[in-house]
Amino acid sequence: MSCESPGDISIRVSDLSKCYHIYDKPNDRLKQMIVPRLRRLLGKGGAVQYYREFWALRDVSFALARGETVGVVGQNGSGKSTLLQLICGTLTPTSGVVEKHGRVAALLELGSGFSPEFTGRENVFISAAVLGLGQEEIAARFDDIAAFADIGEFIDQPVKTYSSGMQARLAFAVAINVDPDILIIDEALAVGDVRFVAKCMRRIKDIQASGATVLFVSHDIASVRSLCKRVIWLEGGRVREDGDVFPVTGRFMEQMCGDAQDVDAAGESARRDADEDTETRLKRDISSLAVTHWGSNRGIVRAASVCDERERRVDLLRWGQKMLVIVDLELPATISRDHLAVAFSIKDLKGTDLIVSTTAEHGELDIPSDGRFRVIFAMRNYLVMGKYLLVVAVENRMYKDIHYYEYIEGAQYFSTISDVEYYGLFHPDIRRDVVGLK
């Protein structure tokens, strides 16, 4: 991204790299410390090396504007945590430069900076002082920190008696109550109960609204889409993509669920078997619109549409109107009919699932012998005024981990209109009764 001036930059990373030396045997480390020096003293040429190089991060560059919230995604080992530690200064880069402008609060390995022998109260004062607060300022904020952590009388017990969840609560409470200019979060929301996670999300959004910069790492794509407008995808220590959150996270999920080359080959094979009219319709209805389109047998879905009660495709629905989701399919003979299900969801433009349904909820599908069939989901449209997208999927539900034969995110975009302004996202037709109390 580009910014107007250096004053608009909160974080700038330039050609950042981190290399680790991997030793196969413990004595190789000792040899590396001694042998090269002896060779230099003896005037012997030629470098000697007893380690392998592992580049956890390689030539990473990006900039974050003040007030921007950016997500970082990637598989385990892609360099996410290394990147955050380099930005925070807990690691030294092999090469490259990190610039930061403003007070940084980091939630990396939650509670890892606490002294186990000290009480929670003492650790609050120490941690807040490290983040730049004076003793009087910490004392003024202590009650807010303790209330947010909500660990009760344990605040005056040694941290070594805490569970990991209690340490996470306290660490998060300290970090978000020091009014940071930059908040860095690494999987912090993976720890804690649902109530605490919801409270953390609200507080993060308050920090966003205050104009702070947020760098957010998570495997929870829904959280990334909820908080961020931009995302950086790391792969093998390098930046694979840097862009709008929805398409980038969509392609990341596609890769996580299968090998892209296998998916593309299967899709091409299925498309070669399609007739020209169906292919044209598929391209019009799906391929040109989809945010992501993947699966082990791409091409099963021939068409997918949001329709009115007369089965006519529509892009505009009124609140309360009857709506149909119609999916036309052609199942190859090579795919088992057992445990097969067809599903749909309707998402908002941030990628949040608002309505989800699958035929698996109603037992096995009765599929015709030629494999050509249609599934119709019928409902009332209770979505409030706004823009939405349709997701359709063909699933194998044999195991707990669902296998996707085909997954299309963004098969159609449509809008809801209403004569009345409703709040929230979903407003069902609710009966209201007022009765007197006896």
Protein backbone atom coordinates (compact mmCIF):
# COMPACT_ATOMS: atom_id res chain seq x y z
CA MET A 1 0.00 0.00 0.00
CA SER A 2 1.07 3.59 -0.38
CA CYS A 3 0.88 6.37 2.20
CA GLU A 4 1.01 10.13 1.86
CA SER A 5 4.11 10.74 3.96
CA PRO A 6 6.35 9.07 6.55
CA GLY A 7 4.10 10.59 9.22
CA ASP A 8 1.22 8.43 7.98
CA ILE A 9 3.20 5.23 8.58
CA SER A 10 2.74 3.24 11.77
CA ILE A 11 4.85 0.18 10.84
CA ARG A 12 7.21 -0.24 7.90
CA VAL A 13 9.00 -3.52 7.18
CA SER A 14 11.72 -3.44 4.52
CA ASP A 15 13.39 -6.57 3.09
CA LEU A 16 13.08 -8.35 6.43
CA SER A 17 14.74 -11.76 6.74
CA LYS A 18 15.49 -14.16 9.58
CA CYS A 19 17.80 -17.15 9.22
CA TYR A 20 18.33 -19.89 11.83
CA HIS A 21 21.27 -22.28 11.98
CA ILE A 22 20.13 -25.91 12.27
CA TYR A 23 22.63 -28.37 13.74
CA ASP A 24 22.14 -32.09 13.23
CA LYS A 25 24.27 -33.04 16.26
CA PRO A 26 25.03 -31.14 19.51
CA ASN A 27 28.79 -31.26 18.97
CA ASP A 28 28.39 -29.61 15.55
CA ARG A 29 27.50 -26.39 17.38
CA LEU A 30 30.76 -26.57 19.32
CA LYS A 31 32.71 -27.31 16.12
CA GLN A 32 31.16 -24.25 14.47
CA MET A 33 32.34 -22.06 17.34
CA ILE A 34 35.92 -23.37 17.30
CA VAL A 35 37.00 -24.75 13.90
CA PRO A 36 36.48 -21.63 11.71
CA ARG A 37 38.50 -19.53 14.19
CA LEU A 38 41.32 -22.09 14.24
CA ARG A 39 41.41 -22.17 10.46
CA ARG A 40 41.71 -18.38 10.32
CA LEU A 41 44.51 -18.42 12.89
CA LEU A 42 46.33 -21.09 10.90
CA GLY A 43 45.84 -19.20 7.65
CA LYS A 44 43.83 -21.96 6.04
CA GLY A 45 41.44 -20.76 3.35
CA GLY A 46 37.96 -21.99 2.56
CA ALA A 47 34.90 -21.65 4.75
CA VAL A 48 33.72 -24.56 6.83
CA GLN A 49 30.11 -24.93 7.94
CA TYR A 50 28.55 -27.47 10.32
CA TYR A 51 24.96 -26.25 10.12
CA ARG A 52 22.08 -25.96 7.69
CA GLU A 53 20.36 -22.66 7.06
CA PHE A 54 16.64 -22.33 7.70
CA TRP A 55 15.10 -19.08 6.51
CA ALA A 56 12.02 -18.50 8.66
CA LEU A 57 11.44 -15.20 6.86
CA ARG A 58 12.83 -13.97 3.55
CA ASP A 59 12.70 -10.48 1.99
CA VAL A 60 9.38 -9.41 3.50
CA SER A 61 8.29 -5.82 2.87
CA PHE A 62 5.06 -3.93 3.64
CA ALA A 63 3.78 -0.81 5.37
CA LEU A 64 0.84 -0.18 7.68
CA ALA A 65 -0.84 3.20 7.81
CA ARG A 66 -1.90 4.79 11.08
CA GLY A 67 -5.29 3.47 12.10
CA GLU A 68 -5.16 0.51 9.72
CA THR A 69 -6.05 -3.03 10.82
CA VAL A 70 -4.23 -5.74 8.88
CA GLY A 71 -4.50 -9.49 9.29
CA VAL A 72 -1.69 -12.00 8.77
CA VAL A 73 -2.55 -15.55 7.71
CA GLY A 74 -0.52 -18.59 6.76
CA GLN A 75 -0.05 -22.23 7.60
CA ASN A 76 2.02 -23.32 10.60
CA GLY A 77 5.67 -22.63 9.86
CA SER A 78 4.97 -19.88 7.34
CA GLY A 79 6.76 -17.23 9.43
CA LYS A 80 3.86 -15.42 11.11
CA SER A 81 5.13 -15.55 14.69
CA THR A 82 8.69 -14.82 13.57
CA LEU A 83 7.46 -11.72 11.76
CA LEU A 84 5.64 -10.43 14.84
CA GLN A 85 8.61 -11.09 17.12
CA LEU A 86 10.88 -9.18 14.73
CA ILE A 87 8.44 -6.26 14.66
CA CYS A 88 8.18 -6.28 18.48
CA GLY A 89 11.96 -6.46 18.86
CA THR A 90 12.13 -9.76 20.74
CA LEU A 91 14.11 -11.20 17.81
CA THR A 92 16.93 -9.62 15.83
CA PRO A 93 16.64 -9.81 12.03
CA THR A 94 19.33 -11.41 9.92
CA SER A 95 18.78 -8.58 7.46
CA GLY A 96 16.25 -5.87 6.77
CA VAL A 97 14.74 -3.02 8.76
CA VAL A 98 11.66 -2.55 10.96
CA GLU A 99 10.32 0.96 11.66
CA LYS A 100 7.67 1.59 14.34
CA HIS A 101 6.07 4.87 15.29
CA GLY A 102 4.18 4.93 18.59
CA ARG A 103 3.65 2.84 21.73
CA VAL A 104 3.48 -0.88 20.95
CA ALA A 105 1.46 -3.40 22.95
CA ALA A 106 2.01 -6.99 21.88
CA LEU A 107 0.09 -10.16 22.67
CA LEU A 108 2.40 -12.89 21.46
CA GLU A 109 2.73 -15.95 23.71
CA LEU A 110 0.25 -14.73 26.29
CA GLY A 111 1.70 -14.55 29.76
CA SER A 112 5.16 -15.60 28.63
CA GLY A 113 6.62 -12.37 30.05
CA PHE A 114 5.18 -12.92 33.52
CA SER A 115 7.38 -13.93 36.44
CA PRO A 116 5.85 -17.13 37.87
CA GLU A 117 6.95 -16.33 41.42
CA PHE A 118 5.34 -12.88 41.47
CA THR A 119 1.64 -12.31 41.99
CA GLY A 120 -0.70 -11.21 39.24
CA ARG A 121 -0.82 -7.72 40.78
CA GLU A 122 2.98 -7.45 40.76
CA ASN A 123 3.18 -8.71 37.20
CA VAL A 124 0.64 -6.10 36.09
CA PHE A 125 2.86 -3.32 37.41
CA ILE A 126 5.99 -4.83 35.86
CA SER A 127 4.40 -5.49 32.44
CA ALA A 128 2.73 -2.08 32.24
CA ALA A 129 6.02 -0.40 33.18
CA VAL A 130 7.77 -2.26 30.35
CA LEU A 131 5.09 -0.86 28.00
CA GLY A 132 5.95 2.67 29.12
CA LEU A 133 3.51 3.54 31.92
CA GLY A 134 4.59 5.20 35.16
CA GLN A 135 3.70 3.80 38.58
CA GLU A 136 0.96 6.35 39.26
CA GLU A 137 -0.57 5.77 35.83
CA ILE A 138 -0.54 2.00 36.35
CA ALA A 139 -2.15 2.37 39.77
CA ALA A 140 -4.91 4.52 38.23
CA ARG A 141 -5.65 1.81 35.64
CA PHE A 142 -5.21 -1.23 37.83
CA ASP A 143 -8.89 -1.63 38.73
CA ASP A 144 -9.85 -1.59 35.03
CA ILE A 145 -7.16 -4.18 34.26
CA ALA A 146 -8.27 -6.45 37.10
CA ALA A 147 -11.93 -6.11 36.14
CA PHE A 148 -11.22 -7.02 32.52
CA ALA A 149 -9.08 -10.04 33.48
CA ASP A 150 -11.84 -11.17 35.87
CA ILE A 151 -9.69 -13.71 37.73
CA GLY A 152 -10.98 -12.71 41.18
CA GLU A 153 -8.78 -13.27 44.23
CA PHE A 154 -6.12 -14.96 42.10
CA ILE A 155 -4.86 -11.48 41.21
CA ASP A 156 -2.91 -11.63 44.51
CA GLN A 157 -1.66 -15.20 44.03
CA PRO A 158 1.63 -16.21 42.31
CA VAL A 159 1.26 -16.58 38.56
CA LYS A 160 2.69 -20.12 38.81
CA THR A 161 -0.70 -21.12 40.27
CA TYR A 162 -2.58 -19.81 37.20
CA SER A 163 -4.01 -21.86 34.38
CA SER A 164 -2.99 -20.89 30.83
CA GLY A 165 -6.41 -19.29 30.38
CA MET A 166 -5.96 -17.10 33.47
CA GLN A 167 -2.54 -15.98 32.27
CA ALA A 168 -4.06 -15.14 28.89
CA ARG A 169 -6.79 -13.06 30.51
CA LEU A 170 -4.34 -11.06 32.57
CA ALA A 171 -1.88 -10.51 29.72
CA PHE A 172 -4.66 -9.34 27.39
CA ALA A 173 -6.07 -7.05 30.07
CA VAL A 174 -2.69 -5.35 30.55
CA ALA A 175 -1.97 -4.93 26.84
CA ILE A 176 -5.29 -3.35 25.90
CA ASN A 177 -5.40 -0.95 28.85
CA VAL A 178 -2.18 0.93 28.10
CA ASP A 179 -3.74 2.90 25.20
CA PRO A 180 -1.37 1.51 22.54
CA ASP A 181 -0.70 3.27 19.25
CA ILE A 182 0.06 -0.17 17.78
CA LEU A 183 -1.59 -3.39 18.98
CA ILE A 184 -0.04 -6.68 17.82
CA ILE A 185 -2.00 -9.88 18.44
CA ASP A 186 -0.79 -13.43 17.76
CA GLU A 187 -3.54 -16.04 18.22
CA ALA A 188 -4.57 -14.35 21.47
CA LEU A 189 -8.24 -15.14 20.97
CA ALA A 190 -7.57 -18.88 20.74
CA VAL A 191 -7.40 -19.00 24.54
CA GLY A 192 -10.35 -18.38 26.81
CA ASP A 193 -14.05 -19.06 26.94
CA VAL A 194 -16.63 -17.66 24.53
CA ARG A 195 -17.60 -14.81 26.85
CA PHE A 196 -14.01 -13.65 27.24
CA VAL A 197 -13.34 -13.89 23.49
CA ALA A 198 -16.42 -11.76 22.79
CA LYS A 199 -15.25 -9.19 25.33
CA CYS A 200 -11.79 -9.12 23.71
CA MET A 201 -13.28 -8.60 20.25
CA ARG A 202 -15.32 -5.64 21.52
CA ARG A 203 -12.25 -4.11 23.13
CA ILE A 204 -10.17 -4.58 19.97
CA LYS A 205 -12.87 -2.78 17.99
CA ASP A 206 -12.79 0.07 20.54
CA ILE A 207 -9.03 0.31 20.04
CA GLN A 208 -9.59 0.37 16.27
CA ALA A 209 -12.11 3.18 16.66
CA SER A 210 -9.58 5.19 18.68
CA GLY A 211 -7.28 5.28 15.64
CA ALA A 212 -4.71 2.70 16.72
CA THR A 213 -2.99 0.40 14.24
CA VAL A 214 -3.72 -3.31 14.70
CA LEU A 215 -1.71 -6.24 13.31
CA PHE A 216 -3.74 -9.40 13.87
CA VAL A 217 -2.56 -12.99 13.37
CA SER A 218 -5.11 -15.80 13.57
CA HIS A 219 -6.10 -19.12 12.03
CA ASP A 220 -9.73 -18.08 12.58
CA ILE A 221 -10.60 -16.66 9.16
CA ALA A 222 -13.99 -15.42 10.41
CA SER A 223 -12.23 -13.25 13.02
CA VAL A 224 -9.75 -11.96 10.43
CA ARG A 225 -12.59 -11.02 8.10
CA SER A 226 -14.52 -9.39 10.92
CA LEU A 227 -11.65 -7.18 12.09
CA CYS A 228 -9.57 -6.52 8.98
CA LYS A 229 -10.00 -4.94 5.57
CA ARG A 230 -6.55 -6.01 4.38
CA VAL A 231 -4.62 -9.23 4.87
CA ILE A 232 -1.05 -10.42 4.28
CA TRP A 233 -0.67 -14.10 3.36
CA LEU A 234 2.71 -15.61 4.29
CA GLU A 235 3.92 -18.82 2.71
CA GLY A 236 7.35 -20.33 3.25
CA GLY A 237 8.58 -17.15 4.91
CA ARG A 238 7.62 -14.90 1.99
CA VAL A 239 4.65 -12.71 1.19
CA ARG A 240 2.45 -14.66 -1.20
CA GLU A 241 -0.37 -12.09 -1.34
CA ASP A 242 -1.15 -8.70 0.19
CA GLY A 243 -4.60 -7.30 -0.53
CA ASP A 244 -8.31 -7.10 0.26
CA VAL A 245 -9.29 -9.47 3.03
CA PHE A 246 -12.13 -11.35 1.33
CA PRO A 247 -10.44 -12.65 -1.85
CA VAL A 248 -7.07 -13.27 -0.21
CA THR A 249 -8.51 -15.26 2.70
CA GLY A 250 -10.72 -17.12 0.23
CA ARG A 251 -7.72 -18.26 -1.79
CA PHE A 252 -5.89 -19.13 1.43
CA MET A 253 -8.79 -21.36 2.55
CA GLU A 254 -8.79 -22.95 -0.91
CA GLN A 255 -5.16 -23.92 -0.53
CA MET A 256 -5.71 -25.19 3.02
CA CYS A 257 -8.41 -27.59 1.83
CA GLY A 258 -6.53 -29.24 -1.02
CA ASP A 259 -3.74 -29.08 -3.53
CA ALA A 260 -4.53 -26.40 -6.10
CA GLN A 261 -2.98 -28.31 -9.01
CA ASP A 262 -5.11 -31.39 -8.32
CA VAL A 263 -8.19 -29.21 -8.02
CA ASP A 264 -7.50 -27.44 -11.30
CA ALA A 265 -6.88 -30.74 -13.12
CA ALA A 266 -10.14 -32.22 -11.82
CA GLY A 267 -12.04 -29.08 -12.77
CA GLU A 268 -10.64 -29.07 -16.31
CA SER A 269 -11.61 -32.73 -16.76
CA ALA A 270 -15.16 -32.05 -15.60
CA ARG A 271 -15.50 -29.01 -17.85
CA ARG A 272 -14.38 -30.91 -20.94
CA ASP A 273 -17.36 -33.24 -20.42
CA ALA A 274 -19.82 -30.35 -20.30
CA ASP A 275 -21.83 -29.20 -23.31
CA GLU A 276 -21.28 -25.70 -24.65
CA ASP A 277 -24.55 -24.22 -23.36
CA THR A 278 -24.00 -25.50 -19.84
CA GLU A 279 -20.42 -24.29 -19.90
CA THR A 280 -21.53 -20.83 -20.94
CA ARG A 281 -24.11 -20.75 -18.17
CA LEU A 282 -21.61 -22.00 -15.62
CA LYS A 283 -19.18 -19.25 -16.54
CA ARG A 284 -21.90 -16.61 -16.40
CA ASP A 285 -23.46 -17.78 -13.13
CA ILE A 286 -20.40 -18.91 -11.23
CA SER A 287 -16.89 -18.64 -12.57
CA SER A 288 -16.89 -14.92 -13.34
CA LEU A 289 -18.37 -14.01 -9.95
CA ALA A 290 -16.90 -16.45 -7.44
CA VAL A 291 -14.50 -15.17 -4.81
CA THR A 292 -13.16 -18.72 -4.52
CA HIS A 293 -14.00 -21.88 -6.46
CA TRP A 294 -12.30 -25.13 -5.53
CA GLY A 295 -12.75 -28.78 -4.61
CA SER A 296 -11.58 -32.24 -5.66
CA ASN A 297 -14.22 -32.51 -8.43
CA ARG A 298 -14.93 -28.97 -9.52
CA GLY A 299 -17.66 -28.82 -12.17
CA ILE A 300 -20.41 -30.79 -10.40
CA VAL A 301 -22.44 -27.63 -9.79
CA ARG A 302 -23.98 -26.61 -13.11
CA ALA A 303 -25.79 -23.52 -11.79
CA ALA A 304 -26.64 -21.91 -8.46
CA SER A 305 -29.08 -19.07 -7.96
CA VAL A 306 -31.14 -17.09 -5.50
CA CYS A 307 -34.69 -17.12 -6.90
CA ASP A 308 -38.19 -15.86 -6.17
CA GLU A 309 -41.09 -18.24 -5.51
CA ARG A 310 -41.59 -18.73 -9.28
CA GLU A 311 -37.99 -20.02 -9.54
CA ARG A 312 -36.81 -16.94 -11.42
CA ARG A 313 -33.28 -15.79 -10.63
CA VAL A 314 -33.33 -12.42 -8.83
CA ASP A 315 -30.65 -10.04 -7.61
CA LEU A 316 -33.02 -8.00 -5.44
CA LEU A 317 -35.30 -9.38 -2.74
CA ARG A 318 -37.68 -7.64 -0.38
CA TRP A 319 -37.62 -8.37 3.34
CA GLY A 320 -40.18 -11.07 4.16
CA GLN A 321 -40.39 -12.28 0.55
CA LYS A 322 -40.30 -16.02 -0.13
CA MET A 323 -36.91 -16.96 -1.53
CA LEU A 324 -35.42 -20.11 -3.02
CA VAL A 325 -31.81 -21.22 -3.33
CA ILE A 326 -31.68 -23.51 -6.37
CA VAL A 327 -28.64 -25.64 -7.13
CA ASP A 328 -28.41 -27.71 -10.34
CA LEU A 329 -25.92 -30.57 -10.23
CA GLU A 330 -24.48 -33.29 -12.43
CA LEU A 331 -22.72 -35.98 -10.44
CA PRO A 332 -20.10 -38.14 -12.22
CA ALA A 333 -20.46 -41.91 -11.88
CA THR A 334 -17.03 -42.02 -10.24
CA ILE A 335 -18.31 -40.24 -7.11
CA SER A 336 -20.05 -42.29 -4.43
CA ARG A 337 -23.65 -41.34 -3.65
CA ASP A 338 -23.17 -42.43 -0.03
CA HIS A 339 -22.77 -39.62 2.50
CA LEU A 340 -23.11 -37.00 -0.24
CA ALA A 341 -24.72 -33.70 0.76
CA VAL A 342 -25.46 -30.36 -0.89
CA ALA A 343 -25.16 -27.24 1.24
CA PHE A 344 -25.53 -23.51 0.94
CA SER A 345 -24.81 -20.48 3.07
CA ILE A 346 -25.54 -16.80 2.74
CA LYS A 347 -22.78 -14.49 3.90
CA ASP A 348 -22.36 -10.77 4.33
CA LEU A 349 -19.58 -9.05 2.41
CA LYS A 350 -17.17 -9.58 5.32
CA GLY A 351 -17.59 -13.33 4.90
CA THR A 352 -19.67 -13.97 8.03
CA ASP A 353 -22.11 -16.90 7.69
CA LEU A 354 -25.64 -15.64 8.32
CA ILE A 355 -27.69 -18.61 7.09
CA VAL A 356 -26.34 -22.15 6.65
CA SER A 357 -28.22 -25.30 5.61
CA THR A 358 -27.28 -28.72 4.27
CA THR A 359 -29.25 -31.70 3.00
CA ALA A 360 -27.29 -33.80 5.50
CA GLU A 361 -29.70 -32.51 8.14
CA HIS A 362 -32.48 -34.52 6.46
CA GLY A 363 -30.76 -37.82 5.65
CA GLU A 364 -29.34 -39.30 2.44
CA LEU A 365 -30.14 -37.76 -0.96
CA ASP A 366 -32.19 -39.73 -3.48
CA ILE A 367 -30.04 -39.12 -6.56
CA PRO A 368 -31.25 -40.18 -10.06
CA SER A 369 -29.22 -42.83 -11.86
CA ASP A 370 -27.91 -40.34 -14.45
CA GLY A 371 -26.60 -38.08 -11.67
CA ARG A 372 -28.50 -35.00 -12.90
CA PHE A 373 -30.65 -33.40 -10.19
CA ARG A 374 -31.74 -30.15 -8.58
CA VAL A 375 -31.85 -29.18 -4.91
CA ILE A 376 -34.22 -26.40 -3.82
CA PHE A 377 -33.94 -24.73 -0.41
CA ALA A 378 -37.03 -22.64 0.43
CA MET A 379 -37.36 -19.96 3.11
CA ARG A 380 -38.50 -16.42 3.87
CA ASN A 381 -35.99 -13.62 3.42
CA TYR A 382 -35.51 -12.08 6.83
CA LEU A 383 -32.15 -10.49 6.05
CA VAL A 384 -32.14 -6.75 6.75
CA MET A 385 -31.36 -4.24 4.03
CA GLY A 386 -27.88 -4.85 2.62
CA LYS A 387 -25.73 -6.80 0.17
CA TYR A 388 -25.06 -10.52 0.47
CA LEU A 389 -23.47 -13.43 -1.37
CA LEU A 390 -24.37 -17.05 -1.95
CA VAL A 391 -22.08 -19.98 -1.18
CA VAL A 392 -22.82 -23.50 -2.41
CA ALA A 393 -20.97 -26.72 -1.68
CA VAL A 394 -21.07 -30.41 -2.53
CA GLU A 395 -19.85 -32.39 0.45
CA ASN A 396 -18.77 -35.86 1.53
CA ARG A 397 -20.04 -36.20 5.10
CA MET A 398 -18.60 -39.64 5.83
CA TYR A 399 -16.19 -38.26 8.42
CA LYS A 400 -16.22 -35.43 10.94
CA ASP A 401 -13.84 -33.45 8.73
CA ILE A 402 -15.98 -32.66 5.70
CA HIS A 403 -14.44 -33.32 2.29
CA TYR A 404 -15.54 -30.86 -0.39
CA TYR A 405 -16.11 -32.12 -3.91
CA GLU A 406 -16.86 -28.53 -4.86
CA TYR A 407 -17.01 -25.24 -2.93
CA ILE A 408 -18.11 -21.98 -4.55
CA GLU A 409 -17.94 -18.79 -2.48
CA GLY A 410 -19.74 -16.01 -4.31
CA ALA A 411 -21.89 -18.01 -6.74
CA GLN A 412 -24.24 -15.01 -6.77
CA TYR A 413 -24.46 -11.59 -5.18
CA PHE A 414 -27.83 -10.12 -4.24
CA SER A 415 -29.40 -7.37 -2.14
CA THR A 416 -32.26 -7.05 0.29
CA ILE A 417 -34.50 -3.97 0.48
CA SER A 418 -37.12 -3.04 3.02
CA ASP A 419 -39.65 -0.30 3.63
CA VAL A 420 -38.77 -0.35 7.32
CA GLU A 421 -35.30 0.17 8.81
CA TYR A 422 -34.38 -2.84 10.91
CA TYR A 423 -31.36 -3.21 13.17
CA GLY A 424 -29.00 -6.14 13.37
CA LEU A 425 -28.43 -8.52 10.46
CA PHE A 426 -31.41 -10.85 10.60
CA HIS A 427 -34.96 -9.83 11.50
CA PRO A 428 -37.46 -12.72 11.52
CA ASP A 429 -41.21 -12.24 11.57
CA ILE A 430 -41.70 -12.11 15.33
CA ARG A 431 -45.05 -12.24 17.10
CA ARG A 432 -45.42 -9.62 19.83
CA ASP A 433 -47.88 -9.89 22.70
CA VAL A 434 -48.36 -7.50 25.61
CA VAL A 435 -50.24 -8.94 28.58
CA GLY A 436 -50.96 -7.62 32.00
CA LEU A 437 -49.42 -9.20 35.08
CA LYS A 438 -51.60 -10.56 37.82
